[in-house]
């Protein structure tokens, strides 16, 4: 078993306040950021992850969009890559600032009017269009901070 590093949820919460994104603690290990009425970015600590190779990670951390989408990550530094191999790396706190500034967008993969997946992309560093299948479409949404106080 291996342990991962936890996200600093208090710091994420404070960062949300600074940039105008509404966030709230559901419990001491789960912070939910309300990006839109239907999109929530969740930072969660102290989860157990069972990997496909049979190993287990105790006290793992996870970022997801809190919906039926498969997208999630356990990383602290997000990497966004363009088709030419250029990339930018962002710490998870910078991700919050990037969402508020419009540098980080939310991509949605739709097929025949059904949402298949949702994930964050970088405005300038992305290669999302290389993997489209028949009847797929990608919709990209920018998040606009509401400047509301966080809970």
N, C-alpha and C. Protein backbone atom coordinates (compact mmCIF):
# COMPACT_ATOMS: atom_id res chain seq x y z
N UNK A 1 0.85 -1.20 0.00
CA UNK A 1 0.00 0.00 0.00
C UNK A 1 0.88 1.24 0.00
N UNK A 2 0.41 2.27 -0.66
CA UNK A 2 1.15 3.52 -0.67
C UNK A 2 0.18 4.64 -0.33
N UNK A 3 0.71 5.70 0.25
CA UNK A 3 -0.11 6.86 0.58
C UNK A 3 0.19 7.98 -0.41
N UNK A 4 -0.79 8.78 -0.70
CA UNK A 4 -0.58 9.92 -1.59
C UNK A 4 -0.62 11.20 -0.76
N UNK A 5 -0.26 12.30 -1.40
CA UNK A 5 -0.33 13.60 -0.73
C UNK A 5 -1.75 14.13 -0.81
N UNK A 6 -2.22 14.67 0.29
CA UNK A 6 -3.56 15.25 0.32
C UNK A 6 -3.57 16.63 -0.32
N UNK A 7 -4.73 17.02 -0.83
CA UNK A 7 -4.93 18.38 -1.29
C UNK A 7 -5.15 19.26 -0.07
N UNK A 8 -4.68 20.48 -0.13
CA UNK A 8 -4.93 21.43 0.96
C UNK A 8 -6.29 22.08 0.69
N UNK A 9 -7.32 21.48 1.23
CA UNK A 9 -8.69 21.92 0.94
C UNK A 9 -8.97 23.32 1.46
N UNK A 10 -8.40 23.67 2.60
CA UNK A 10 -8.58 25.03 3.13
C UNK A 10 -7.98 26.06 2.17
N UNK A 11 -6.82 25.73 1.60
CA UNK A 11 -6.19 26.64 0.65
C UNK A 11 -6.99 26.74 -0.66
N UNK A 12 -7.53 25.62 -1.11
CA UNK A 12 -8.38 25.64 -2.30
C UNK A 12 -9.62 26.50 -2.04
N UNK A 13 -10.22 26.32 -0.87
CA UNK A 13 -11.40 27.10 -0.48
C UNK A 13 -11.07 28.60 -0.46
N UNK A 14 -9.93 28.94 0.12
CA UNK A 14 -9.50 30.35 0.18
C UNK A 14 -9.24 30.89 -1.23
N UNK A 15 -8.63 30.07 -2.08
CA UNK A 15 -8.37 30.49 -3.46
C UNK A 15 -9.69 30.77 -4.18
N UNK A 16 -10.69 29.94 -3.94
CA UNK A 16 -12.00 30.16 -4.55
C UNK A 16 -12.58 31.49 -4.12
N UNK A 17 -12.47 31.81 -2.84
CA UNK A 17 -12.96 33.11 -2.34
C UNK A 17 -12.28 34.25 -3.07
N UNK A 18 -10.96 34.14 -3.24
CA UNK A 18 -10.19 35.21 -3.87
C UNK A 18 -10.58 35.45 -5.32
N UNK A 19 -10.94 34.38 -6.05
CA UNK A 19 -11.25 34.55 -7.48
C UNK A 19 -12.74 34.60 -7.76
N UNK A 20 -13.57 34.45 -6.72
CA UNK A 20 -15.01 34.58 -6.91
C UNK A 20 -15.75 33.32 -7.29
N UNK A 21 -15.18 32.16 -7.01
CA UNK A 21 -15.88 30.90 -7.25
C UNK A 21 -16.51 30.41 -5.96
N UNK A 22 -17.75 29.99 -6.03
CA UNK A 22 -18.46 29.52 -4.85
C UNK A 22 -18.00 28.11 -4.50
N UNK A 23 -17.58 27.92 -3.25
CA UNK A 23 -17.16 26.60 -2.80
C UNK A 23 -17.71 26.35 -1.41
N UNK A 24 -17.87 25.07 -1.08
CA UNK A 24 -18.35 24.71 0.25
C UNK A 24 -17.83 23.33 0.62
N UNK A 25 -17.63 23.14 1.91
CA UNK A 25 -17.22 21.84 2.43
C UNK A 25 -18.46 20.98 2.62
N UNK A 26 -18.47 19.79 2.02
CA UNK A 26 -19.53 18.83 2.32
C UNK A 26 -19.19 18.06 3.58
N UNK A 27 -17.89 17.86 3.80
CA UNK A 27 -17.37 17.32 5.05
C UNK A 27 -15.90 17.72 5.10
N UNK A 28 -15.18 17.30 6.11
CA UNK A 28 -13.80 17.77 6.27
C UNK A 28 -12.87 17.28 5.17
N UNK A 29 -13.28 16.26 4.41
CA UNK A 29 -12.45 15.70 3.34
C UNK A 29 -12.95 15.99 1.94
N UNK A 30 -14.03 16.75 1.81
CA UNK A 30 -14.62 16.99 0.49
C UNK A 30 -15.02 18.45 0.33
N UNK A 31 -14.35 19.12 -0.63
CA UNK A 31 -14.67 20.50 -0.98
C UNK A 31 -15.29 20.50 -2.37
N UNK A 32 -16.46 21.12 -2.49
CA UNK A 32 -17.18 21.20 -3.77
C UNK A 32 -17.15 22.64 -4.25
N UNK A 33 -16.71 22.82 -5.49
CA UNK A 33 -16.68 24.14 -6.13
C UNK A 33 -17.80 24.16 -7.16
N UNK A 34 -18.73 25.07 -7.01
CA UNK A 34 -19.88 25.17 -7.91
C UNK A 34 -19.50 26.05 -9.10
N UNK A 35 -19.14 25.41 -10.21
CA UNK A 35 -18.73 26.16 -11.39
C UNK A 35 -19.94 26.72 -12.14
N UNK A 36 -20.97 25.89 -12.30
CA UNK A 36 -22.25 26.30 -12.88
C UNK A 36 -23.32 25.54 -12.10
N UNK A 37 -24.58 25.71 -12.51
CA UNK A 37 -25.64 24.96 -11.85
C UNK A 37 -25.46 23.45 -11.99
N UNK A 38 -24.88 23.03 -13.12
CA UNK A 38 -24.75 21.59 -13.36
C UNK A 38 -23.32 21.07 -13.35
N UNK A 39 -22.33 21.91 -13.10
CA UNK A 39 -20.94 21.47 -13.07
C UNK A 39 -20.33 21.81 -11.71
N UNK A 40 -19.83 20.78 -11.06
CA UNK A 40 -19.17 20.93 -9.76
C UNK A 40 -17.80 20.29 -9.83
N UNK A 41 -16.78 21.03 -9.45
CA UNK A 41 -15.42 20.49 -9.35
C UNK A 41 -15.21 20.09 -7.90
N UNK A 42 -14.84 18.83 -7.68
CA UNK A 42 -14.73 18.32 -6.31
C UNK A 42 -13.29 17.93 -6.00
N UNK A 43 -12.78 18.37 -4.86
CA UNK A 43 -11.50 17.95 -4.33
C UNK A 43 -11.78 17.09 -3.11
N UNK A 44 -11.27 15.86 -3.11
CA UNK A 44 -11.58 14.94 -2.01
C UNK A 44 -10.31 14.26 -1.51
N UNK A 45 -10.16 14.21 -0.21
CA UNK A 45 -9.04 13.53 0.45
C UNK A 45 -9.54 12.30 1.18
N UNK A 46 -8.59 11.48 1.59
CA UNK A 46 -8.85 10.29 2.42
C UNK A 46 -9.80 9.29 1.79
N UNK A 47 -9.56 9.00 0.52
CA UNK A 47 -10.32 7.95 -0.15
C UNK A 47 -9.39 6.75 -0.37
N UNK A 48 -9.95 5.59 -0.57
CA UNK A 48 -9.17 4.40 -0.89
C UNK A 48 -9.34 4.12 -2.37
N UNK A 49 -8.22 3.99 -3.07
CA UNK A 49 -8.23 3.74 -4.50
C UNK A 49 -7.72 2.33 -4.76
N UNK A 50 -8.51 1.56 -5.49
CA UNK A 50 -8.12 0.21 -5.91
C UNK A 50 -7.71 0.30 -7.37
N UNK A 51 -6.43 0.05 -7.63
CA UNK A 51 -5.92 0.16 -8.99
C UNK A 51 -6.13 -1.14 -9.76
N UNK A 52 -6.09 -1.03 -11.09
CA UNK A 52 -6.35 -2.19 -11.95
C UNK A 52 -5.32 -3.30 -11.76
N UNK A 53 -4.12 -2.97 -11.30
CA UNK A 53 -3.10 -3.99 -11.07
C UNK A 53 -3.26 -4.67 -9.72
N UNK A 54 -4.32 -4.33 -8.98
CA UNK A 54 -4.59 -4.96 -7.69
C UNK A 54 -4.04 -4.23 -6.49
N UNK A 55 -3.18 -3.22 -6.72
CA UNK A 55 -2.64 -2.49 -5.59
C UNK A 55 -3.68 -1.50 -5.04
N UNK A 56 -3.45 -1.11 -3.81
CA UNK A 56 -4.38 -0.21 -3.12
C UNK A 56 -3.61 1.01 -2.64
N UNK A 57 -4.23 2.16 -2.78
CA UNK A 57 -3.66 3.40 -2.24
C UNK A 57 -4.57 3.87 -1.12
N UNK A 58 -4.03 3.89 0.09
CA UNK A 58 -4.79 4.37 1.24
C UNK A 58 -4.66 5.89 1.34
N UNK A 59 -5.64 6.52 1.88
CA UNK A 59 -5.62 7.97 2.08
C UNK A 59 -5.29 8.71 0.78
N UNK A 60 -5.86 8.27 -0.32
CA UNK A 60 -5.62 8.88 -1.62
C UNK A 60 -6.43 10.17 -1.73
N UNK A 61 -6.13 10.93 -2.76
CA UNK A 61 -6.85 12.17 -3.05
C UNK A 61 -7.35 12.11 -4.48
N UNK A 62 -8.42 12.86 -4.74
CA UNK A 62 -9.09 12.77 -6.03
C UNK A 62 -9.70 14.11 -6.39
N UNK A 63 -9.61 14.47 -7.66
CA UNK A 63 -10.34 15.60 -8.22
C UNK A 63 -11.26 15.04 -9.28
N UNK A 64 -12.55 15.40 -9.23
CA UNK A 64 -13.48 14.98 -10.26
C UNK A 64 -14.53 16.06 -10.48
N UNK A 65 -15.45 15.78 -11.38
CA UNK A 65 -16.49 16.75 -11.68
C UNK A 65 -17.83 16.37 -11.05
N UNK A 66 -17.81 15.40 -10.15
CA UNK A 66 -18.97 15.08 -9.34
C UNK A 66 -20.20 14.67 -10.11
N UNK A 67 -20.01 14.11 -11.31
CA UNK A 67 -21.16 13.69 -12.10
C UNK A 67 -20.91 12.29 -12.63
N UNK A 68 -21.66 11.88 -13.62
CA UNK A 68 -21.50 10.54 -14.19
C UNK A 68 -20.30 10.44 -15.13
N UNK A 69 -19.61 11.53 -15.35
CA UNK A 69 -18.46 11.53 -16.23
C UNK A 69 -17.34 10.67 -15.63
N UNK A 70 -16.60 10.01 -16.50
CA UNK A 70 -15.48 9.18 -16.03
C UNK A 70 -14.26 10.00 -15.64
N UNK A 71 -14.21 11.28 -16.04
CA UNK A 71 -12.99 12.04 -15.81
C UNK A 71 -12.74 12.23 -14.31
N UNK A 72 -11.51 11.94 -13.93
CA UNK A 72 -11.02 12.24 -12.58
C UNK A 72 -9.51 12.17 -12.63
N UNK A 73 -8.87 12.67 -11.60
CA UNK A 73 -7.42 12.60 -11.52
C UNK A 73 -7.00 12.57 -10.05
N UNK A 74 -5.79 12.07 -9.83
CA UNK A 74 -5.23 12.02 -8.49
C UNK A 74 -3.99 12.91 -8.40
N UNK A 75 -3.74 13.70 -9.41
CA UNK A 75 -2.51 14.47 -9.50
C UNK A 75 -2.62 15.82 -8.78
N UNK A 76 -1.47 16.41 -8.52
CA UNK A 76 -1.41 17.75 -7.96
C UNK A 76 -1.00 18.76 -9.03
N UNK A 77 -0.37 18.29 -10.09
CA UNK A 77 0.02 19.15 -11.21
C UNK A 77 -0.66 18.65 -12.47
N UNK A 78 -1.45 19.51 -13.07
CA UNK A 78 -2.18 19.18 -14.29
C UNK A 78 -1.31 19.55 -15.49
N UNK A 79 -1.24 18.66 -16.48
CA UNK A 79 -0.51 18.96 -17.70
C UNK A 79 -1.50 19.00 -18.86
N UNK A 80 -1.38 20.05 -19.65
CA UNK A 80 -2.22 20.23 -20.82
C UNK A 80 -1.29 20.28 -22.03
N UNK A 81 -1.60 19.48 -23.07
CA UNK A 81 -0.72 19.30 -24.21
C UNK A 81 -1.45 19.66 -25.49
N UNK A 82 -0.73 20.33 -26.42
CA UNK A 82 -1.34 20.64 -27.71
C UNK A 82 -0.88 19.60 -28.74
N UNK A 83 -1.43 19.63 -29.97
CA UNK A 83 -1.08 18.61 -30.97
C UNK A 83 0.39 18.59 -31.36
N UNK A 84 1.12 19.68 -31.15
CA UNK A 84 2.54 19.74 -31.52
C UNK A 84 3.44 19.27 -30.38
N UNK A 85 2.85 18.88 -29.25
CA UNK A 85 3.64 18.41 -28.12
C UNK A 85 4.03 19.50 -27.13
N UNK A 86 3.63 20.74 -27.41
CA UNK A 86 3.88 21.81 -26.44
C UNK A 86 2.92 21.62 -25.27
N UNK A 87 3.37 21.98 -24.11
CA UNK A 87 2.50 21.76 -22.95
C UNK A 87 2.70 22.84 -21.90
N UNK A 88 1.76 22.88 -20.99
CA UNK A 88 1.85 23.73 -19.82
C UNK A 88 1.45 22.88 -18.62
N UNK A 89 2.14 23.07 -17.52
CA UNK A 89 1.84 22.35 -16.29
C UNK A 89 1.31 23.35 -15.28
N UNK A 90 0.25 22.97 -14.57
CA UNK A 90 -0.38 23.87 -13.59
C UNK A 90 -0.62 23.12 -12.29
N UNK A 91 -0.22 23.75 -11.19
CA UNK A 91 -0.53 23.22 -9.86
C UNK A 91 -2.04 23.32 -9.65
N UNK A 92 -2.59 22.47 -8.80
CA UNK A 92 -4.05 22.47 -8.63
C UNK A 92 -4.59 23.81 -8.14
N UNK A 93 -3.80 24.59 -7.40
CA UNK A 93 -4.27 25.92 -7.00
C UNK A 93 -4.31 26.87 -8.19
N UNK A 94 -3.34 26.72 -9.11
CA UNK A 94 -3.35 27.53 -10.33
C UNK A 94 -4.52 27.16 -11.24
N UNK A 95 -4.96 25.91 -11.15
CA UNK A 95 -6.13 25.48 -11.91
C UNK A 95 -7.35 26.32 -11.54
N UNK A 96 -7.51 26.60 -10.25
CA UNK A 96 -8.64 27.40 -9.77
C UNK A 96 -8.58 28.81 -10.38
N UNK A 97 -7.40 29.41 -10.35
CA UNK A 97 -7.21 30.74 -10.93
C UNK A 97 -7.47 30.68 -12.44
N UNK A 98 -6.99 29.61 -13.08
CA UNK A 98 -7.19 29.45 -14.52
C UNK A 98 -8.65 29.32 -14.92
N UNK A 99 -9.42 28.63 -14.09
CA UNK A 99 -10.86 28.52 -14.36
C UNK A 99 -11.51 29.90 -14.28
N UNK A 100 -11.18 30.64 -13.23
CA UNK A 100 -11.78 31.97 -13.05
C UNK A 100 -11.38 32.95 -14.15
N UNK A 101 -10.15 32.81 -14.67
CA UNK A 101 -9.68 33.75 -15.70
C UNK A 101 -10.11 33.35 -17.11
N UNK A 102 -10.60 32.13 -17.29
CA UNK A 102 -10.97 31.66 -18.62
C UNK A 102 -9.84 30.94 -19.32
N UNK A 103 -8.70 30.79 -18.66
CA UNK A 103 -7.59 30.04 -19.24
C UNK A 103 -7.90 28.54 -19.25
N UNK A 104 -8.62 28.07 -18.23
CA UNK A 104 -9.07 26.68 -18.16
C UNK A 104 -10.57 26.67 -18.45
N UNK A 105 -10.96 25.82 -19.38
CA UNK A 105 -12.34 25.70 -19.82
C UNK A 105 -12.85 24.30 -19.49
N UNK A 106 -14.13 24.10 -19.60
CA UNK A 106 -14.71 22.78 -19.41
C UNK A 106 -15.17 22.26 -20.77
N UNK A 107 -14.61 21.12 -21.18
CA UNK A 107 -14.99 20.49 -22.45
C UNK A 107 -16.02 19.41 -22.15
N UNK A 108 -16.96 19.28 -23.06
CA UNK A 108 -17.98 18.25 -22.95
C UNK A 108 -18.03 17.48 -24.27
N UNK A 109 -17.98 16.16 -24.19
CA UNK A 109 -18.11 15.31 -25.36
C UNK A 109 -19.54 14.83 -25.44
N UNK A 110 -20.20 15.21 -26.52
CA UNK A 110 -21.60 14.84 -26.76
C UNK A 110 -21.65 13.92 -27.97
N UNK A 111 -22.58 12.98 -27.96
CA UNK A 111 -22.83 12.12 -29.10
C UNK A 111 -24.33 11.91 -29.19
N UNK A 112 -24.90 12.37 -30.29
CA UNK A 112 -26.35 12.29 -30.51
C UNK A 112 -27.13 12.84 -29.32
N UNK A 113 -26.78 14.06 -28.93
CA UNK A 113 -27.45 14.79 -27.85
C UNK A 113 -27.35 14.11 -26.48
N UNK A 114 -26.34 13.26 -26.30
CA UNK A 114 -26.11 12.63 -25.00
C UNK A 114 -24.71 12.99 -24.53
N UNK A 115 -24.62 13.51 -23.30
CA UNK A 115 -23.33 13.85 -22.72
C UNK A 115 -22.59 12.57 -22.37
N UNK A 116 -21.41 12.39 -22.97
CA UNK A 116 -20.60 11.19 -22.72
C UNK A 116 -19.52 11.44 -21.68
N UNK A 117 -18.92 12.63 -21.71
CA UNK A 117 -17.83 12.91 -20.78
C UNK A 117 -17.63 14.42 -20.66
N UNK A 118 -17.03 14.80 -19.55
CA UNK A 118 -16.74 16.21 -19.27
C UNK A 118 -15.38 16.27 -18.59
N UNK A 119 -14.54 17.27 -18.95
CA UNK A 119 -13.20 17.39 -18.36
C UNK A 119 -12.67 18.80 -18.57
N UNK A 120 -11.70 19.22 -17.76
CA UNK A 120 -11.09 20.54 -17.95
C UNK A 120 -10.05 20.51 -19.08
N UNK A 121 -10.01 21.59 -19.86
CA UNK A 121 -8.98 21.73 -20.89
C UNK A 121 -8.37 23.13 -20.78
N UNK A 122 -7.20 23.26 -21.32
CA UNK A 122 -6.54 24.57 -21.37
C UNK A 122 -6.95 25.26 -22.67
N UNK A 123 -7.16 26.55 -22.58
CA UNK A 123 -7.58 27.34 -23.75
C UNK A 123 -6.57 27.23 -24.89
N UNK A 124 -5.27 27.23 -24.60
CA UNK A 124 -4.25 27.26 -25.64
C UNK A 124 -3.55 25.91 -25.86
N UNK A 125 -3.58 25.04 -24.87
CA UNK A 125 -2.88 23.75 -24.96
C UNK A 125 -3.89 22.62 -24.85
N UNK A 126 -4.37 22.17 -26.00
CA UNK A 126 -5.31 21.05 -25.99
C UNK A 126 -5.20 20.29 -27.30
N UNK A 127 -5.51 19.01 -27.25
CA UNK A 127 -5.51 18.16 -28.44
C UNK A 127 -6.78 17.32 -28.48
N UNK A 128 -7.85 17.88 -28.00
CA UNK A 128 -9.10 17.15 -27.84
C UNK A 128 -9.74 16.72 -29.14
N UNK A 129 -9.42 17.38 -30.24
CA UNK A 129 -10.11 17.12 -31.49
C UNK A 129 -9.54 15.93 -32.25
N UNK A 130 -8.42 15.39 -31.77
CA UNK A 130 -7.79 14.26 -32.45
C UNK A 130 -8.54 12.94 -32.26
N UNK A 131 -9.45 12.88 -31.32
CA UNK A 131 -10.04 11.61 -30.92
C UNK A 131 -11.55 11.52 -31.16
N UNK A 132 -12.07 12.40 -31.99
CA UNK A 132 -13.51 12.40 -32.24
C UNK A 132 -13.93 11.19 -33.07
N UNK A 133 -15.07 10.63 -32.71
CA UNK A 133 -15.64 9.51 -33.45
C UNK A 133 -16.90 9.99 -34.16
N UNK A 134 -17.51 9.12 -34.95
CA UNK A 134 -18.71 9.47 -35.70
C UNK A 134 -19.79 10.00 -34.75
N UNK A 135 -20.41 11.09 -35.13
CA UNK A 135 -21.48 11.77 -34.40
C UNK A 135 -21.03 12.45 -33.11
N UNK A 136 -19.72 12.49 -32.82
CA UNK A 136 -19.22 13.20 -31.64
C UNK A 136 -19.18 14.70 -31.90
N UNK A 137 -19.40 15.44 -30.88
CA UNK A 137 -19.15 16.88 -30.92
C UNK A 137 -18.61 17.30 -29.57
N UNK A 138 -17.73 18.28 -29.59
CA UNK A 138 -17.17 18.81 -28.35
C UNK A 138 -17.73 20.20 -28.14
N UNK A 139 -18.29 20.41 -26.98
CA UNK A 139 -18.77 21.73 -26.58
C UNK A 139 -17.84 22.22 -25.49
N UNK A 140 -17.45 23.47 -25.60
CA UNK A 140 -16.52 24.05 -24.64
C UNK A 140 -17.22 25.17 -23.91
N UNK A 141 -17.11 25.13 -22.59
CA UNK A 141 -17.79 26.12 -21.75
C UNK A 141 -16.77 26.89 -20.92
N UNK A 142 -16.96 28.19 -20.90
CA UNK A 142 -16.15 29.03 -20.02
C UNK A 142 -16.94 29.28 -18.75
N UNK A 143 -16.24 29.25 -17.64
CA UNK A 143 -16.85 29.51 -16.33
C UNK A 143 -16.63 30.97 -15.99
N UNK A 144 -17.69 31.64 -15.59
CA UNK A 144 -17.60 33.03 -15.17
C UNK A 144 -17.85 33.11 -13.67
N UNK A 145 -16.85 33.54 -12.91
CA UNK A 145 -17.03 33.65 -11.46
C UNK A 145 -18.21 34.54 -11.12
N UNK A 146 -18.92 34.14 -10.08
CA UNK A 146 -20.10 34.90 -9.68
C UNK A 146 -19.78 35.98 -8.66
N UNK A 147 -18.58 35.93 -8.11
CA UNK A 147 -18.16 36.86 -7.06
C UNK A 147 -19.03 36.74 -5.82
N UNK A 148 -19.68 35.57 -5.66
CA UNK A 148 -20.46 35.32 -4.45
C UNK A 148 -19.54 34.85 -3.35
N UNK A 149 -19.92 35.08 -2.14
CA UNK A 149 -19.16 34.59 -1.01
C UNK A 149 -19.27 33.08 -0.94
N UNK A 150 -18.19 32.43 -0.51
CA UNK A 150 -18.20 30.99 -0.32
C UNK A 150 -18.66 30.67 1.09
N UNK A 151 -19.16 29.46 1.24
CA UNK A 151 -19.69 29.02 2.54
C UNK A 151 -18.57 28.71 3.51
